[in-house]
Protein backbone atom coordinates (compact mmCIF):
# COMPACT_ATOMS: atom_id res chain seq x y z
CA MET A 1 105.37 81.88 87.45
CA LEU A 2 109.01 80.75 87.48
CA VAL A 3 110.18 84.33 87.98
CA VAL A 4 107.92 84.66 91.04
CA LEU A 5 109.06 81.23 92.27
CA GLY A 6 112.71 82.27 92.14
CA ALA A 7 112.42 85.89 93.23
CA VAL A 8 109.87 85.44 96.01
CA GLY A 9 109.01 81.78 96.59
CA LEU A 10 112.58 80.60 97.16
CA ALA A 11 114.38 83.83 98.05
CA ARG A 12 111.84 85.14 100.54
CA PHE A 13 109.16 82.70 101.60
CA ALA A 14 111.57 79.85 102.25
CA PHE A 15 113.24 82.15 104.80
CA GLY A 16 110.62 81.36 107.43
CA MET A 17 111.49 77.66 107.13
CA ILE A 18 115.27 78.19 107.12
CA ILE A 19 115.62 80.82 109.86
CA PRO A 20 115.21 78.43 112.85
CA ALA A 21 118.27 76.42 111.75
CA MET A 22 120.23 79.61 111.01
CA ALA A 23 119.29 81.00 114.42
CA ASP A 24 120.39 77.83 116.23
CA ASP A 25 123.74 77.74 114.41
CA LEU A 26 124.52 81.47 114.60
CA GLY A 27 122.94 82.17 118.00
CA LEU A 28 120.41 84.72 116.76
CA ASP A 29 117.73 85.99 119.13
CA TYR A 30 114.21 86.98 118.05
CA ARG A 31 115.19 90.59 117.49
CA GLN A 32 118.13 89.64 115.26
CA GLN A 33 115.93 87.22 113.31
CA GLY A 34 113.40 89.98 112.76
CA PHE A 35 116.00 92.48 111.57
CA LEU A 36 117.66 89.91 109.29
CA GLY A 37 114.29 89.38 107.62
CA ALA A 38 113.75 93.13 107.50
CA SER A 39 117.06 93.66 105.67
CA TYR A 40 115.52 91.93 102.66
CA PHE A 41 112.66 94.39 102.73
CA VAL A 42 114.98 97.38 102.98
CA GLY A 43 116.57 96.30 99.70
CA TYR A 44 113.16 95.63 98.24
CA LEU A 45 112.02 99.08 99.32
CA ALA A 46 115.10 100.76 97.84
CA VAL A 47 114.58 99.32 94.36
CA VAL A 48 110.83 99.74 94.15
CA ALA A 49 111.23 103.42 95.08
CA LEU A 50 113.06 103.85 91.75
CA LEU A 51 110.95 101.52 89.61
CA PRO A 52 107.98 103.84 88.93
CA TRP A 53 110.49 105.86 86.90
CA LEU A 54 112.78 103.04 85.75
CA ALA A 55 110.29 100.29 84.86
CA PRO A 56 108.87 101.96 81.70
CA ARG A 57 112.42 102.64 80.50
CA ILE A 58 113.96 99.26 81.28
CA GLY A 59 111.09 96.98 80.29
CA VAL A 60 109.66 94.08 82.25
CA ARG A 61 111.80 91.40 80.56
CA ARG A 62 115.05 93.08 81.60
CA LEU A 63 113.69 93.61 85.09
CA CYS A 64 113.05 89.87 85.38
CA VAL A 65 116.49 88.85 84.08
CA GLY A 66 118.49 91.40 86.07
CA GLY A 67 116.51 90.84 89.24
CA LEU A 68 116.93 87.06 89.15
CA GLY A 69 120.67 87.47 88.52
CA LEU A 70 121.04 89.58 91.67
CA VAL A 71 119.02 87.07 93.68
CA ALA A 72 121.22 84.16 92.56
CA VAL A 73 124.47 85.92 93.47
CA SER A 74 123.23 87.17 96.84
CA LEU A 75 121.78 83.80 97.89
CA LEU A 76 125.18 82.26 97.23
CA ALA A 77 126.69 84.92 99.50
CA MET A 78 124.07 84.02 102.15
CA ALA A 79 125.21 80.41 101.99
CA LEU A 80 128.92 81.18 102.38
CA GLY A 81 128.73 83.92 105.03
CA ARG A 82 128.50 83.47 108.79
CA ASP A 83 128.96 87.06 109.93
CA TYR A 84 125.62 88.63 110.87
CA VAL A 85 126.40 91.94 109.15
CA LEU A 86 127.47 90.17 105.95
CA LEU A 87 124.34 88.04 106.00
CA SER A 88 122.19 91.13 106.43
CA LEU A 89 123.90 92.92 103.54
CA SER A 90 123.57 89.84 101.33
CA TYR A 91 119.87 89.52 102.10
CA LEU A 92 119.44 93.23 101.40
CA VAL A 93 120.80 92.62 97.87
CA THR A 94 118.40 89.68 97.58
CA GLY A 95 115.59 92.13 98.30
CA VAL A 96 116.78 94.44 95.52
CA GLY A 97 116.73 91.62 92.99
CA SER A 98 113.42 90.24 94.21
CA GLY A 99 111.70 93.60 93.94
CA ALA A 100 112.85 94.16 90.37
CA ALA A 101 111.96 90.66 89.17
CA PHE A 102 108.61 90.52 90.97
CA ILE A 103 107.39 93.83 89.58
CA GLY A 104 108.46 92.75 86.12
CA ALA A 105 106.62 89.44 86.38
CA MET A 106 103.45 90.92 87.88
CA SER A 107 103.26 93.62 85.20
CA LEU A 108 103.01 91.02 82.43
CA PRO A 109 99.29 90.15 82.95
CA SER A 110 98.25 93.74 82.16
CA LEU A 111 100.12 93.50 78.84
CA TRP A 112 98.93 90.00 77.93
CA PHE A 113 95.31 90.03 79.21
CA HIS A 114 92.28 92.31 78.99
CA PRO A 115 90.65 93.43 82.31
CA SER A 116 88.11 90.59 82.10
CA HIS A 117 90.84 88.05 82.92
CA ARG A 118 93.70 90.05 84.48
CA ALA A 119 93.27 89.09 88.12
CA ARG A 120 93.02 85.39 87.30
CA ALA A 121 96.09 85.60 85.08
CA ALA A 122 98.04 87.38 87.79
CA GLY A 123 96.92 84.62 90.15
CA VAL A 124 98.67 82.06 87.95
CA ALA A 125 101.91 84.06 88.26
CA THR A 126 101.62 84.31 92.06
CA ALA A 127 101.36 80.52 92.22
CA GLY A 128 105.15 80.60 92.11
CA ALA A 129 105.21 81.89 95.69
CA GLY A 130 103.12 78.95 96.85
CA ILE A 131 105.31 76.48 95.00
CA GLY A 132 108.31 77.98 96.79
CA ILE A 133 106.70 77.38 100.17
CA LEU A 134 105.75 73.82 99.19
CA VAL A 135 109.27 73.04 97.98
CA SER A 136 110.96 74.59 101.01
CA GLY A 137 108.69 72.73 103.43
CA LEU A 138 109.56 69.40 101.81
CA ILE A 139 113.27 69.99 101.19
CA VAL A 140 114.55 72.13 104.06
CA PRO A 141 114.04 69.57 106.88
CA ARG A 142 115.65 66.82 104.77
CA MET A 143 118.60 68.65 103.23
CA PRO A 144 121.92 67.13 104.39
CA GLY A 145 125.14 69.03 104.84
CA ALA A 146 127.91 68.57 102.28
CA PHE A 147 131.25 70.02 101.17
CA GLY A 148 131.84 71.37 104.65
CA LEU A 149 128.57 73.33 104.59
CA LEU A 150 125.70 72.97 107.04
CA PRO A 151 122.24 71.96 105.76
CA TRP A 152 120.90 75.56 105.80
CA GLN A 153 123.91 76.68 103.78
CA MET A 154 123.37 73.90 101.21
CA ILE A 155 119.75 75.04 100.84
CA TRP A 156 120.81 78.57 99.91
CA VAL A 157 123.33 77.16 97.40
CA ALA A 158 120.65 74.98 95.80
CA PHE A 159 118.24 77.90 95.59
CA ALA A 160 120.92 80.12 94.03
CA VAL A 161 121.49 77.54 91.28
CA LEU A 162 117.74 77.23 90.60
CA VAL A 163 117.26 81.00 90.41
CA LEU A 164 120.13 81.28 87.93
CA LEU A 165 118.47 78.58 85.81
CA PHE A 166 115.20 80.54 85.86
CA ALA A 167 117.05 83.66 84.68
CA LEU A 168 118.41 81.73 81.69
CA LEU A 169 114.90 80.46 80.88
CA VAL A 170 113.60 84.03 80.94
CA VAL A 171 116.27 85.08 78.45
CA ALA A 172 115.32 82.20 76.16
CA PHE A 173 111.52 82.25 76.32
CA LEU A 174 109.92 85.29 77.97
CA ARG A 175 108.48 87.95 75.67
CA GLU A 176 107.26 91.30 76.90
CA ARG A 177 104.20 91.69 74.67
CA PRO A 178 101.94 89.26 72.80
CA ALA A 179 102.52 91.21 69.58
CA GLU A 180 106.11 89.90 69.54
CA LEU A 181 104.65 86.45 68.89
CA GLY A 182 101.89 87.65 66.57
CA LEU A 183 99.25 87.39 69.30
CA ALA A 184 96.67 89.72 70.84
CA PRO A 185 95.84 90.15 74.57
CA TYR A 186 93.48 87.46 75.86
CA GLY A 187 89.94 88.22 77.05
CA GLN A 188 87.07 90.46 76.03
CA ALA A 189 88.36 93.84 74.87
CA GLY A 190 86.66 96.71 76.67
CA GLN A 191 85.05 94.46 79.28
CA GLY A 192 86.10 95.25 82.85
CA ASN A 193 85.33 93.42 86.04
CA ALA A 194 82.09 93.72 87.96
CA ASP A 195 83.18 96.97 89.61
CA GLY A 196 83.32 98.71 86.25
CA GLY A 197 81.12 101.80 86.07
CA VAL A 198 80.12 104.26 83.39
CA GLU A 199 81.38 107.45 84.97
CA SER A 200 84.40 109.19 83.48
CA ARG A 201 87.37 109.82 85.70
CA SER A 202 90.55 111.73 85.07
CA GLN A 203 93.97 110.10 85.20
CA GLY A 204 94.69 112.06 88.38
CA GLN A 205 91.64 110.62 90.10
CA ASN A 206 92.66 107.11 89.09
CA TRP A 207 96.13 107.69 90.56
CA ALA A 208 94.42 108.83 93.77
CA MET A 209 92.58 105.49 93.87
CA VAL A 210 95.90 103.70 93.34
CA VAL A 211 97.30 105.42 96.44
CA ARG A 212 94.24 104.38 98.48
CA LEU A 213 94.69 100.85 97.18
CA GLY A 214 98.32 101.09 98.27
CA VAL A 215 97.27 101.74 101.88
CA ILE A 216 95.34 98.47 101.85
CA TYR A 217 98.29 96.71 100.25
CA PHE A 218 100.53 98.15 102.98
CA LEU A 219 98.33 96.61 105.68
CA PHE A 220 98.36 93.28 103.85
CA ALA A 221 102.17 93.37 103.78
CA VAL A 222 102.53 94.16 107.49
CA THR A 223 100.33 91.23 108.48
CA ALA A 224 101.02 88.55 105.87
CA LEU A 225 104.80 88.90 106.06
CA THR A 226 104.69 88.69 109.84
CA TYR A 227 102.83 85.39 109.52
CA THR A 228 105.08 83.86 106.87
CA THR A 229 108.25 84.95 108.68
CA PHE A 230 107.39 83.64 112.13
CA ILE A 231 104.69 80.96 111.87
CA VAL A 232 107.24 78.11 111.72
CA THR A 233 109.12 79.58 114.69
CA THR A 234 105.80 79.92 116.52
CA MET A 235 104.94 76.27 115.83
CA VAL A 236 108.29 74.98 117.09
CA ASP A 237 108.96 77.33 120.02
CA GLU A 238 105.46 78.01 121.35
CA LEU A 239 103.10 75.28 120.14
CA SER A 240 105.41 72.27 120.72
CA VAL A 241 105.27 71.17 117.09
CA SER A 242 108.29 69.16 115.93
CA LYS A 243 110.46 70.62 113.17
CA HIS A 244 109.41 67.75 110.90
CA ASP A 245 105.69 68.37 111.46
CA ALA A 246 106.20 72.13 111.13
CA GLY A 247 107.80 71.48 107.75
CA LEU A 248 104.81 69.40 106.68
CA LEU A 249 102.37 72.13 107.75
CA TRP A 250 104.48 74.72 105.92
CA SER A 251 104.27 72.51 102.82
CA VAL A 252 100.50 72.20 103.18
CA LEU A 253 100.27 76.00 103.41
CA GLY A 254 102.36 76.29 100.27
CA ALA A 255 100.31 73.72 98.37
CA LEU A 256 97.07 75.53 99.24
CA SER A 257 98.52 78.92 98.34
CA ILE A 258 99.34 77.80 94.78
CA PHE A 259 95.66 78.24 93.97
CA SER A 260 94.94 81.26 96.19
CA GLY A 261 95.71 83.95 93.60
CA THR A 262 93.53 82.32 90.95
CA LEU A 263 90.71 81.63 93.44
CA PHE A 264 90.39 85.20 94.73
CA GLY A 265 91.37 86.64 91.36
CA ASN A 266 88.33 84.89 89.92
CA ILE A 267 86.17 86.47 92.63
CA ALA A 268 87.63 89.89 91.80
CA ASP A 269 87.09 89.44 88.04
CA ARG A 270 83.48 88.35 88.53
CA LEU A 271 82.29 90.35 91.57
CA GLY A 272 84.71 93.28 91.56
CA LEU A 273 88.03 94.29 93.03
CA ARG A 274 86.53 95.42 96.32
CA ALA A 275 84.73 92.12 96.91
CA GLY A 276 87.83 90.08 96.10
CA MET A 277 90.10 92.08 98.41
CA ALA A 278 87.60 92.24 101.29
CA ALA A 279 87.05 88.48 101.13
CA ALA A 280 90.79 87.76 101.11
CA MET A 281 91.59 90.08 104.00
CA THR A 282 88.72 88.72 106.09
CA VAL A 283 89.91 85.14 105.68
CA GLN A 284 93.46 86.08 106.62
CA GLY A 285 92.30 88.07 109.65
CA VAL A 286 90.58 84.96 111.00
CA ALA A 287 93.79 82.98 110.44
CA TYR A 288 95.78 85.45 112.57
CA GLY A 289 93.14 85.53 115.28
CA LEU A 290 93.21 81.75 115.68
CA ILE A 291 96.93 81.88 116.57
CA ALA A 292 96.64 85.02 118.68
CA PHE A 293 94.00 83.55 120.98
CA GLY A 294 95.71 80.18 121.52
CA THR A 295 93.08 77.90 119.99
CA GLY A 296 95.31 74.83 120.17
CA THR A 297 96.29 72.25 117.58
CA TYR A 298 93.04 72.34 115.62
CA GLY A 299 93.14 76.12 115.61
CA LEU A 300 96.65 75.95 114.16
CA TYR A 301 95.49 73.57 111.43
CA LEU A 302 92.56 75.84 110.54
CA SER A 303 94.81 78.91 110.58
CA VAL A 304 97.27 77.28 108.18
CA PHE A 305 94.38 76.24 105.90
CA LEU A 306 92.80 79.70 105.84
CA PHE A 307 96.05 81.57 105.30
CA GLY A 308 97.18 79.13 102.62
CA ALA A 309 93.89 79.38 100.74
CA SER A 310 94.18 83.20 100.63
CA ALA A 311 97.94 83.76 100.84
CA TRP A 312 98.76 85.38 97.47
CA SER A 313 95.30 86.67 96.67
CA MET A 314 96.13 90.33 97.22
CA PRO A 315 99.19 90.59 94.92
CA SER A 316 97.21 89.11 92.03
CA ILE A 317 94.23 91.43 92.55
CA VAL A 318 96.42 94.50 93.10
CA ALA A 319 98.49 93.78 89.98
CA ALA A 320 95.29 93.55 87.95
CA ALA A 321 93.93 96.71 89.58
CA ALA A 322 97.02 98.69 88.50
CA GLY A 323 96.17 97.90 84.89
CA ASP A 324 92.47 98.57 85.41
CA TYR A 325 93.02 101.99 86.94
CA LEU A 326 95.92 103.18 84.77
CA GLY A 327 95.84 101.12 81.58
CA ALA A 328 98.24 98.44 80.35
CA GLU A 329 101.04 100.84 79.38
CA ARG A 330 101.18 102.44 82.85
CA ALA A 331 100.57 99.20 84.74
CA ALA A 332 104.25 98.61 85.57
CA ALA A 333 104.68 102.12 86.96
CA GLY A 334 101.45 101.85 88.93
CA PHE A 335 102.31 98.44 90.34
CA ALA A 336 105.74 99.78 91.30
CA VAL A 337 104.07 102.54 93.34
CA LEU A 338 101.82 99.97 95.00
CA THR A 339 104.78 97.68 95.64
CA LEU A 340 106.66 100.58 97.24
CA MET A 341 103.90 100.85 99.82
CA PHE A 342 103.89 97.06 100.15
CA ALA A 343 107.66 97.11 100.70
CA VAL A 344 107.35 99.58 103.57
CA GLY A 345 104.80 97.29 105.19
CA GLN A 346 106.83 94.13 104.71
CA ALA A 347 109.87 95.82 106.28
CA LEU A 348 107.93 97.08 109.29
CA GLY A 349 105.88 93.92 109.89
CA PRO A 350 108.57 91.33 110.70
CA ALA A 351 110.80 93.88 112.47
CA GLY A 352 107.93 95.08 114.63
CA ALA A 353 106.76 91.54 115.36
CA GLY A 354 110.28 90.54 116.37
CA ILE A 355 110.57 93.49 118.77
CA LEU A 356 107.11 92.83 120.23
CA ALA A 357 107.96 89.14 120.68
CA GLY A 358 111.13 90.14 122.52
CA TRP A 359 109.09 92.27 124.92
CA THR A 360 106.27 89.76 125.47
CA GLY A 361 108.21 86.51 125.17
CA GLY A 362 106.10 85.20 122.29
CA PHE A 363 104.26 86.06 119.08
CA ALA A 364 100.62 85.94 120.26
CA ALA A 365 100.42 89.73 120.60
CA SER A 366 101.88 90.19 117.11
CA TYR A 367 99.19 87.99 115.58
CA GLY A 368 96.54 89.88 117.53
CA VAL A 369 97.77 93.18 116.09
CA ALA A 370 97.74 91.59 112.63
CA ALA A 371 94.10 90.54 113.02
CA GLY A 372 93.13 94.09 114.00
CA LEU A 373 94.97 95.62 111.03
CA ASN A 374 93.22 93.22 108.68
CA ALA A 375 89.84 94.31 110.01
CA MET A 376 90.84 97.91 109.26
CA ALA A 377 91.82 96.91 105.70
CA VAL A 378 88.43 95.30 105.10
CA VAL A 379 86.73 98.56 106.02
CA LEU A 380 89.02 100.52 103.68
CA CYS A 381 88.18 98.15 100.81
CA CYS A 382 84.59 99.31 100.96
CA PHE A 383 85.62 102.92 100.21
CA LEU A 384 87.52 102.20 96.99
CA ARG A 385 85.92 103.67 93.89
CA ARG A 386 85.42 101.71 90.71
CA PRO A 387 88.20 101.62 88.12
CA GLN A 388 87.27 103.44 84.89
């Protein structure tokens, strides 16, 4: 959970809270904000393209340590740089470190838990992302400047120090397999989730299902990352919400999202992967639609509640599905393939939303597109075959 908090919660999901202050100070327009966010995803995409081959050779523990180290160094560079190109390159390196550490962390549940409990266990790990949103919403609006640095620069320095601390904790305490501590994986051996069938399927067919799952994960990335990148900007610039109140709403979203992975992971473990994913994507689609159609203050509150309650549901279910389809030993490679497709989506989503907002003068159209893509993902969930 701490690895996810450092690699994703602080390094990525705090970005949506910090970018308005960065934009005001550096004079960034919507398009530049979108491409700065996309630079993170380019780095993320670059590393996850290699991880299906590298992850089994490096091991998840080293992925976590090395990834967090890169994040810490690059966030410090973000704090000290004011040139747009330098900031973009620094955030690209952040994406490289985040991708490595996140895949390492999310591969652990397949090694430590049987399929009966994998999605719920992965949900506990994804709680780190929600904690990052909660922390950033409470701290970012209140952080003072110091040592000649502006408040947004001090935030990146503080996050860099925290991420480095998490890396040291990983070195001291994290173990790759339960056998290293004389333990066995938790759960009922041989018991899958409710989607489990009796038919035999070749490894090639299971990989084909992983690719189909990746298409759904791609659509989740396009839409969810658009929301988390620009919802604070939308509140402040378009919905007349004060920066203080926007920070509180961002914190509420983060607090709700802490439990989202476990909530929908429990649905997936009990009712099946398809049911868990379809439920999560439906809830998020409604959240996007409420913003797209201008439903006012109460619509904003409901949107934040719905997105927060389902925010990190998909990563936890998808991480568990990689182990269910491919087995624990291939879970890291499988999740790396899925994350590669996710990375493409999370690069295209914010960049495309920023361009569309530049054309239309606001983000309503972007949220409308997101709602439509989520509806498509729900349909695709129904065509996934059972893991075997």
